[in-house]
Amino acid sequence: MLARFSASSLFGSRTALKNIVGEGGLSLASGDEIPIEQRAASEVTHVFGVPVAPDGTSVQNPAFDVTPARYVTAIITERGVALAPYGDSLKVLTAHAAGD
């Protein structure tokens, strides 16, 4: 969101187009439906194995977050660059991938 408000561009990068499709990206109505993996609380509560938070501290440690599409300028994949509307452009890139 900071990029949007500072008149900068935000480009999403994926190492493999299949990761987008594999996450259900083309079949979901919105990013709200993407399951977010929760990583171990100890990654936040400990540093080099030493506790830095009181025992029992409640922690949310998502593996990633979902950036709203309106803030993304483009998604760069090994198959090409997807531009908004992403549903359409990602389908085209996926179709090209299936033809290889």
Protein backbone atom coordinates (compact mmCIF):
# COMPACT_ATOMS: atom_id res chain seq x y z
CA MET A 1 0.00 0.00 0.00
CA LEU A 2 2.93 2.29 0.65
CA ALA A 3 3.95 2.06 -3.01
CA ARG A 4 0.46 3.13 -4.11
CA PHE A 5 0.32 6.12 -1.79
CA SER A 6 3.82 7.26 -2.72
CA ALA A 7 3.01 7.17 -6.47
CA SER A 8 5.36 4.20 -6.95
CA SER A 9 4.71 0.93 -8.74
CA LEU A 10 4.50 -2.51 -7.14
CA PHE A 11 5.42 -5.55 -9.20
CA GLY A 12 4.67 -9.03 -7.92
CA SER A 13 7.12 -11.74 -8.87
CA ARG A 14 6.44 -15.47 -8.96
CA THR A 15 9.11 -18.03 -9.69
CA ALA A 16 6.57 -20.28 -11.35
CA LEU A 17 3.20 -19.57 -12.91
CA LYS A 18 2.04 -22.95 -11.57
CA ASN A 19 2.35 -21.52 -8.03
CA ILE A 20 -0.37 -18.98 -8.80
CA VAL A 21 -2.62 -21.59 -10.38
CA GLY A 22 -1.74 -24.18 -7.72
CA GLU A 23 -2.91 -21.83 -4.96
CA GLY A 24 -6.30 -21.70 -6.68
CA GLY A 25 -5.58 -18.18 -7.84
CA LEU A 26 -7.59 -18.47 -11.04
CA SER A 27 -10.59 -20.12 -9.42
CA LEU A 28 -10.96 -17.89 -6.36
CA ALA A 29 -13.28 -14.90 -6.25
CA SER A 30 -10.76 -12.83 -4.29
CA GLY A 31 -7.50 -12.99 -2.38
CA ASP A 32 -9.53 -13.34 0.82
CA GLU A 33 -10.03 -17.01 -0.15
CA ILE A 34 -6.30 -17.83 -0.33
CA PRO A 35 -5.28 -20.02 2.60
CA ILE A 36 -2.44 -18.38 4.53
CA GLU A 37 0.04 -20.74 6.16
CA GLN A 38 0.80 -19.85 9.78
CA ARG A 39 4.47 -20.32 10.59
CA ALA A 40 5.85 -21.32 13.99
CA ALA A 41 5.34 -18.80 16.79
CA SER A 42 8.92 -19.40 17.90
CA GLU A 43 10.14 -17.58 14.77
CA VAL A 44 8.80 -14.41 16.41
CA THR A 45 9.15 -15.16 20.11
CA HIS A 46 12.75 -16.44 19.97
CA VAL A 47 16.00 -15.12 18.50
CA PHE A 48 18.75 -17.69 17.96
CA GLY A 49 16.80 -20.01 20.27
CA VAL A 50 16.63 -17.47 23.10
CA PRO A 51 13.14 -16.37 24.21
CA VAL A 52 12.49 -12.66 23.68
CA ALA A 53 8.80 -12.70 24.61
CA PRO A 54 7.05 -13.91 27.78
CA ASP A 55 5.83 -17.52 27.79
CA GLY A 56 2.30 -17.78 26.46
CA THR A 57 2.55 -14.68 24.25
CA SER A 58 -0.08 -14.88 21.51
CA VAL A 59 1.53 -14.68 18.07
CA GLN A 60 0.30 -14.48 14.49
CA ASN A 61 3.10 -15.36 12.07
CA PRO A 62 1.72 -15.64 8.52
CA ALA A 63 4.06 -17.05 5.88
CA PHE A 64 2.90 -14.30 3.50
CA ASP A 65 0.15 -11.78 3.09
CA VAL A 66 -2.14 -11.00 0.18
CA THR A 67 -1.67 -7.63 -1.46
CA PRO A 68 -4.94 -6.27 -2.87
CA ALA A 69 -4.85 -6.41 -6.70
CA ARG A 70 -5.57 -2.67 -6.94
CA TYR A 71 -2.09 -2.00 -5.51
CA VAL A 72 -0.23 -4.32 -7.90
CA THR A 73 1.10 -2.89 -11.19
CA ALA A 74 1.95 -6.28 -12.72
CA ILE A 75 2.75 -9.90 -11.87
CA ILE A 76 5.97 -11.11 -13.44
CA THR A 77 6.27 -14.85 -14.18
CA GLU A 78 8.56 -17.05 -16.25
CA ARG A 79 5.79 -17.08 -18.90
CA GLY A 80 5.41 -13.32 -19.19
CA VAL A 81 3.97 -10.31 -17.45
CA ALA A 82 0.35 -10.32 -16.30
CA LEU A 83 -1.43 -6.98 -16.25
CA ALA A 84 -4.86 -6.07 -14.87
CA PRO A 85 -7.39 -7.53 -15.17
CA TYR A 86 -5.31 -10.37 -13.74
CA GLY A 87 -7.94 -13.07 -14.19
CA ASP A 88 -7.80 -12.53 -17.96
CA SER A 89 -4.05 -12.09 -18.37
CA LEU A 90 -3.17 -15.02 -16.08
CA LYS A 91 -5.56 -17.26 -18.04
CA VAL A 92 -3.71 -16.33 -21.24
CA LEU A 93 -0.33 -17.09 -19.66
CA THR A 94 -1.67 -20.37 -18.26
CA ALA A 95 -3.01 -21.37 -21.69
CA HIS A 96 0.42 -20.70 -23.21
CA ALA A 97 2.03 -22.81 -20.46
CA ALA A 98 -0.34 -25.70 -21.17
CA GLY A 99 0.63 -25.60 -24.86
CA ASP A 100 4.34 -26.16 -24.16
